[in-house]
């Protein structure tokens, strides 16, 4: 009985080697015509990758991990041609542990690029528009970095204008 178990184990382990299940790279013959192993893997996006706040973050400065260059780029980006106003929304501060410039809003039904404008300060920020469930009249959640950039009070519920990029 013990010998049968050892044989079964050896057979099972041999199936995992060489051309088995756990092969890190597919054999070239299984790739589409003309593709190489490197081409079949997902490529990193050229965009800046947002940095998560440190686990011991306590202050606004700790949680806002955007760089001065990222803030300048988000603020200075020109209004795209064909930009369309989606409406106004009341924005609360979103998840401070989620980095970047974004707005979670029921004003969109699919992810898109856009812009938010805060009339009280006259400032705007380029953001990723992220759909959430709810009627268009429901509130939205704005990232810490975007709220700071448009100079909206973090503890208030500011009314902002939302635009989709052209």
C-alpha atoms as a PDB file:
ATOM      1  CA  UNK A   1       0.000   0.000   0.000  1.00  0.00           C
ATOM      2  CA  UNK A   2       2.828   2.357   0.897  1.00  0.00           C
ATOM      3  CA  UNK A   3       4.603   1.643  -2.396  1.00  0.00           C
ATOM      4  CA  UNK A   4       1.402   2.439  -4.317  1.00  0.00           C
ATOM      5  CA  UNK A   5       1.184   5.836  -2.571  1.00  0.00           C
ATOM      6  CA  UNK A   6       4.780   6.676  -3.425  1.00  0.00           C
ATOM      7  CA  UNK A   7       4.249   5.680  -7.055  1.00  0.00           C
ATOM      8  CA  UNK A   8       1.061   7.767  -7.236  1.00  0.00           C
ATOM      9  CA  UNK A   9       2.873  10.780  -5.704  1.00  0.00           C
ATOM     10  CA  UNK A  10       5.819  10.415  -8.083  1.00  0.00           C
ATOM     11  CA  UNK A  11       3.460  10.165 -11.069  1.00  0.00           C
ATOM     12  CA  UNK A  12       1.532  13.274  -9.930  1.00  0.00           C
ATOM     13  CA  UNK A  13       4.708  15.315  -9.473  1.00  0.00           C
ATOM     14  CA  UNK A  14       6.080  14.262 -12.842  1.00  0.00           C
ATOM     15  CA  UNK A  15       2.945  15.603 -14.507  1.00  0.00           C
ATOM     16  CA  UNK A  16       3.728  19.070 -13.113  1.00  0.00           C
ATOM     17  CA  UNK A  17       7.161  19.329 -14.704  1.00  0.00           C
ATOM     18  CA  UNK A  18       8.183  20.130 -18.271  1.00  0.00           C
ATOM     19  CA  UNK A  19       5.012  20.745 -20.234  1.00  0.00           C
ATOM     20  CA  UNK A  20       2.533  20.469 -17.364  1.00  0.00           C
ATOM     21  CA  UNK A  21       0.053  22.753 -15.686  1.00  0.00           C
ATOM     22  CA  UNK A  22       2.457  24.981 -13.813  1.00  0.00           C
ATOM     23  CA  UNK A  23       4.688  25.977 -16.688  1.00  0.00           C
ATOM     24  CA  UNK A  24       5.639  29.672 -16.279  1.00  0.00           C
ATOM     25  CA  UNK A  25       5.722  30.436 -20.024  1.00  0.00           C
ATOM     26  CA  UNK A  26       3.503  28.824 -22.645  1.00  0.00           C
ATOM     27  CA  UNK A  27       5.280  26.877 -25.349  1.00  0.00           C
ATOM     28  CA  UNK A  28       5.825  28.970 -28.479  1.00  0.00           C
ATOM     29  CA  UNK A  29       3.538  26.566 -30.387  1.00  0.00           C
ATOM     30  CA  UNK A  30       0.530  27.587 -28.235  1.00  0.00           C
ATOM     31  CA  UNK A  31       0.895  31.309 -29.036  1.00  0.00           C
ATOM     32  CA  UNK A  32      -0.960  33.019 -31.887  1.00  0.00           C
ATOM     33  CA  UNK A  33       0.877  33.145 -35.194  1.00  0.00           C
ATOM     34  CA  UNK A  34       3.767  35.625 -35.041  1.00  0.00           C
ATOM     35  CA  UNK A  35       3.438  36.295 -31.282  1.00  0.00           C
ATOM     36  CA  UNK A  36       6.235  35.772 -28.810  1.00  0.00           C
ATOM     37  CA  UNK A  37       5.976  35.101 -25.112  1.00  0.00           C
ATOM     38  CA  UNK A  38       6.678  38.778 -24.258  1.00  0.00           C
ATOM     39  CA  UNK A  39       3.938  39.990 -26.638  1.00  0.00           C
ATOM     40  CA  UNK A  40       1.295  37.769 -25.063  1.00  0.00           C
ATOM     41  CA  UNK A  41       1.758  39.240 -21.590  1.00  0.00           C
ATOM     42  CA  UNK A  42      -0.129  42.365 -20.507  1.00  0.00           C
ATOM     43  CA  UNK A  43       2.017  45.451 -20.843  1.00  0.00           C
ATOM     44  CA  UNK A  44       2.286  48.148 -18.175  1.00  0.00           C
ATOM     45  CA  UNK A  45       0.379  51.318 -18.910  1.00  0.00           C
ATOM     46  CA  UNK A  46       2.591  54.311 -19.606  1.00  0.00           C
ATOM     47  CA  UNK A  47       0.558  56.433 -17.158  1.00  0.00           C
ATOM     48  CA  UNK A  48       1.914  57.283 -13.733  1.00  0.00           C
ATOM     49  CA  UNK A  49       0.981  54.640 -11.198  1.00  0.00           C
ATOM     50  CA  UNK A  50      -0.677  56.082  -8.122  1.00  0.00           C
ATOM     51  CA  UNK A  51       1.123  55.454  -4.853  1.00  0.00           C
ATOM     52  CA  UNK A  52      -0.968  54.234  -1.922  1.00  0.00           C
ATOM     53  CA  UNK A  53      -0.618  56.127   1.345  1.00  0.00           C
ATOM     54  CA  UNK A  54       1.578  54.542   4.007  1.00  0.00           C
ATOM     55  CA  UNK A  55      -0.124  52.342   6.603  1.00  0.00           C
ATOM     56  CA  UNK A  56       0.727  54.847   9.353  1.00  0.00           C
ATOM     57  CA  UNK A  57      -0.799  57.843   7.480  1.00  0.00           C
ATOM     58  CA  UNK A  58      -2.629  60.221   9.808  1.00  0.00           C
ATOM     59  CA  UNK A  59      -2.653  63.692   8.201  1.00  0.00           C
ATOM     60  CA  UNK A  60      -3.986  65.069   4.922  1.00  0.00           C
ATOM     61  CA  UNK A  61      -0.398  65.412   3.717  1.00  0.00           C
ATOM     62  CA  UNK A  62       0.254  61.734   4.517  1.00  0.00           C
ATOM     63  CA  UNK A  63      -2.823  60.540   2.618  1.00  0.00           C
ATOM     64  CA  UNK A  64      -2.355  62.747  -0.471  1.00  0.00           C
ATOM     65  CA  UNK A  65       0.495  60.915  -2.195  1.00  0.00           C
ATOM     66  CA  UNK A  66       0.281  62.828  -5.476  1.00  0.00           C
ATOM     67  CA  UNK A  67       3.381  64.700  -6.533  1.00  0.00           C
ATOM     68  CA  UNK A  68       3.585  68.399  -7.331  1.00  0.00           C
ATOM     69  CA  UNK A  69       4.069  67.453 -11.000  1.00  0.00           C
ATOM     70  CA  UNK A  70       0.913  65.302 -10.973  1.00  0.00           C
ATOM     71  CA  UNK A  71      -1.094  68.132  -9.392  1.00  0.00           C
ATOM     72  CA  UNK A  72       0.254  70.618 -11.930  1.00  0.00           C
ATOM     73  CA  UNK A  73      -0.627  68.298 -14.804  1.00  0.00           C
ATOM     74  CA  UNK A  74      -4.163  67.662 -13.490  1.00  0.00           C
ATOM     75  CA  UNK A  75      -4.766  71.387 -13.007  1.00  0.00           C
ATOM     76  CA  UNK A  76      -3.121  72.638 -16.187  1.00  0.00           C
ATOM     77  CA  UNK A  77      -4.658  70.211 -18.647  1.00  0.00           C
ATOM     78  CA  UNK A  78      -6.668  72.224 -21.169  1.00  0.00           C
ATOM     79  CA  UNK A  79     -10.380  71.721 -21.659  1.00  0.00           C
ATOM     80  CA  UNK A  80     -10.673  69.017 -24.299  1.00  0.00           C
ATOM     81  CA  UNK A  81     -12.486  69.850 -27.528  1.00  0.00           C
ATOM     82  CA  UNK A  82     -15.954  68.402 -27.422  1.00  0.00           C
ATOM     83  CA  UNK A  83     -16.133  68.442 -23.643  1.00  0.00           C
ATOM     84  CA  UNK A  84     -19.697  67.946 -22.414  1.00  0.00           C
ATOM     85  CA  UNK A  85     -21.170  69.088 -19.100  1.00  0.00           C
ATOM     86  CA  UNK A  86     -22.766  66.128 -17.316  1.00  0.00           C
ATOM     87  CA  UNK A  87     -24.295  68.187 -14.519  1.00  0.00           C
ATOM     88  CA  UNK A  88     -23.725  69.310 -10.970  1.00  0.00           C
ATOM     89  CA  UNK A  89     -23.263  67.043  -8.005  1.00  0.00           C
ATOM     90  CA  UNK A  90     -22.680  67.374  -4.303  1.00  0.00           C
ATOM     91  CA  UNK A  91     -19.298  65.864  -3.550  1.00  0.00           C
ATOM     92  CA  UNK A  92     -18.134  64.289  -0.342  1.00  0.00           C
ATOM     93  CA  UNK A  93     -14.583  63.267   0.387  1.00  0.00           C
ATOM     94  CA  UNK A  94     -13.983  59.800  -1.037  1.00  0.00           C
ATOM     95  CA  UNK A  95     -11.814  56.981   0.292  1.00  0.00           C
ATOM     96  CA  UNK A  96      -8.592  58.729   1.373  1.00  0.00           C
ATOM     97  CA  UNK A  97      -6.618  55.499   1.035  1.00  0.00           C
ATOM     98  CA  UNK A  98      -7.395  55.381  -2.702  1.00  0.00           C
ATOM     99  CA  UNK A  99      -4.764  57.550  -4.440  1.00  0.00           C
ATOM    100  CA  UNK A 100      -5.088  59.627  -7.587  1.00  0.00           C
ATOM    101  CA  UNK A 101      -7.534  62.035  -9.175  1.00  0.00           C
ATOM    102  CA  UNK A 102     -11.003  60.482  -9.502  1.00  0.00           C
ATOM    103  CA  UNK A 103     -14.716  61.063  -8.991  1.00  0.00           C
ATOM    104  CA  UNK A 104     -17.125  58.242  -8.178  1.00  0.00           C
ATOM    105  CA  UNK A 105     -20.439  59.485  -9.535  1.00  0.00           C
ATOM    106  CA  UNK A 106     -23.827  58.304 -10.825  1.00  0.00           C
ATOM    107  CA  UNK A 107     -23.506  60.880 -13.641  1.00  0.00           C
ATOM    108  CA  UNK A 108     -21.635  58.316 -15.779  1.00  0.00           C
ATOM    109  CA  UNK A 109     -22.486  54.737 -16.685  1.00  0.00           C
ATOM    110  CA  UNK A 110     -18.993  53.642 -17.723  1.00  0.00           C
ATOM    111  CA  UNK A 111     -15.470  54.732 -16.737  1.00  0.00           C
ATOM    112  CA  UNK A 112     -14.295  57.847 -18.566  1.00  0.00           C
ATOM    113  CA  UNK A 113     -11.893  60.753 -18.418  1.00  0.00           C
ATOM    114  CA  UNK A 114     -13.357  64.042 -17.297  1.00  0.00           C
ATOM    115  CA  UNK A 115     -13.006  67.247 -15.370  1.00  0.00           C
ATOM    116  CA  UNK A 116     -14.493  68.684 -12.195  1.00  0.00           C
ATOM    117  CA  UNK A 117     -14.904  72.415 -11.591  1.00  0.00           C
ATOM    118  CA  UNK A 118     -15.491  74.095  -8.219  1.00  0.00           C
ATOM    119  CA  UNK A 119     -17.128  77.511  -8.864  1.00  0.00           C
ATOM    120  CA  UNK A 120     -16.276  78.871  -5.390  1.00  0.00           C
ATOM    121  CA  UNK A 121     -12.532  78.708  -6.129  1.00  0.00           C
ATOM    122  CA  UNK A 122     -12.660  78.854  -9.930  1.00  0.00           C
ATOM    123  CA  UNK A 123     -10.358  75.802 -10.051  1.00  0.00           C
ATOM    124  CA  UNK A 124     -10.744  72.545 -11.922  1.00  0.00           C
ATOM    125  CA  UNK A 125      -9.021  69.160 -12.048  1.00  0.00           C
ATOM    126  CA  UNK A 126      -8.787  66.411 -14.619  1.00  0.00           C
ATOM    127  CA  UNK A 127     -10.176  63.201 -13.087  1.00  0.00           C
ATOM    128  CA  UNK A 128     -11.122  59.637 -13.856  1.00  0.00           C
ATOM    129  CA  UNK A 129     -14.911  59.369 -13.782  1.00  0.00           C
ATOM    130  CA  UNK A 130     -15.977  56.138 -12.087  1.00  0.00           C
ATOM    131  CA  UNK A 131     -19.633  55.063 -12.235  1.00  0.00           C
ATOM    132  CA  UNK A 132     -21.574  54.239  -9.075  1.00  0.00           C
ATOM    133  CA  UNK A 133     -25.176  53.129  -8.642  1.00  0.00           C
ATOM    134  CA  UNK A 134     -27.837  55.672  -7.873  1.00  0.00           C
ATOM    135  CA  UNK A 135     -29.948  58.359  -9.492  1.00  0.00           C
ATOM    136  CA  UNK A 136     -28.154  61.239 -11.241  1.00  0.00           C
ATOM    137  CA  UNK A 137     -29.289  63.478  -8.365  1.00  0.00           C
ATOM    138  CA  UNK A 138     -27.387  61.388  -5.809  1.00  0.00           C
ATOM    139  CA  UNK A 139     -24.106  62.662  -4.430  1.00  0.00           C
ATOM    140  CA  UNK A 140     -20.611  61.768  -5.592  1.00  0.00           C
ATOM    141  CA  UNK A 141     -17.302  60.961  -3.908  1.00  0.00           C
ATOM    142  CA  UNK A 142     -14.215  62.966  -4.882  1.00  0.00           C
ATOM    143  CA  UNK A 143     -10.624  61.921  -4.238  1.00  0.00           C
ATOM    144  CA  UNK A 144      -8.567  63.732  -1.637  1.00  0.00           C
ATOM    145  CA  UNK A 145      -6.046  64.871  -4.261  1.00  0.00           C
ATOM    146  CA  UNK A 146      -8.778  66.330  -6.486  1.00  0.00           C
ATOM    147  CA  UNK A 147     -10.522  68.068  -3.577  1.00  0.00           C
ATOM    148  CA  UNK A 148      -7.270  69.685  -2.536  1.00  0.00           C
ATOM    149  CA  UNK A 149      -6.467  70.721  -6.094  1.00  0.00           C
ATOM    150  CA  UNK A 150      -9.794  72.503  -6.611  1.00  0.00           C
ATOM    151  CA  UNK A 151      -9.514  73.940  -3.086  1.00  0.00           C
ATOM    152  CA  UNK A 152     -12.814  72.464  -1.927  1.00  0.00           C
ATOM    153  CA  UNK A 153     -13.225  72.242   1.858  1.00  0.00           C
ATOM    154  CA  UNK A 154     -12.562  68.675   2.941  1.00  0.00           C
ATOM    155  CA  UNK A 155     -15.173  68.691   5.690  1.00  0.00           C
ATOM    156  CA  UNK A 156     -17.984  70.287   3.637  1.00  0.00           C
ATOM    157  CA  UNK A 157     -20.211  68.976   0.881  1.00  0.00           C
ATOM    158  CA  UNK A 158     -19.294  71.276  -2.027  1.00  0.00           C
ATOM    159  CA  UNK A 159     -21.351  71.454  -5.215  1.00  0.00           C
ATOM    160  CA  UNK A 160     -19.127  70.822  -8.221  1.00  0.00           C
ATOM    161  CA  UNK A 161     -19.694  70.768 -11.958  1.00  0.00           C
ATOM    162  CA  UNK A 162     -18.763  67.588 -13.820  1.00  0.00           C
ATOM    163  CA  UNK A 163     -17.648  67.390 -17.452  1.00  0.00           C
ATOM    164  CA  UNK A 164     -16.853  64.403 -19.633  1.00  0.00           C
ATOM    165  CA  UNK A 165     -13.788  64.627 -21.836  1.00  0.00           C
ATOM    166  CA  UNK A 166     -14.304  64.925 -25.573  1.00  0.00           C
END
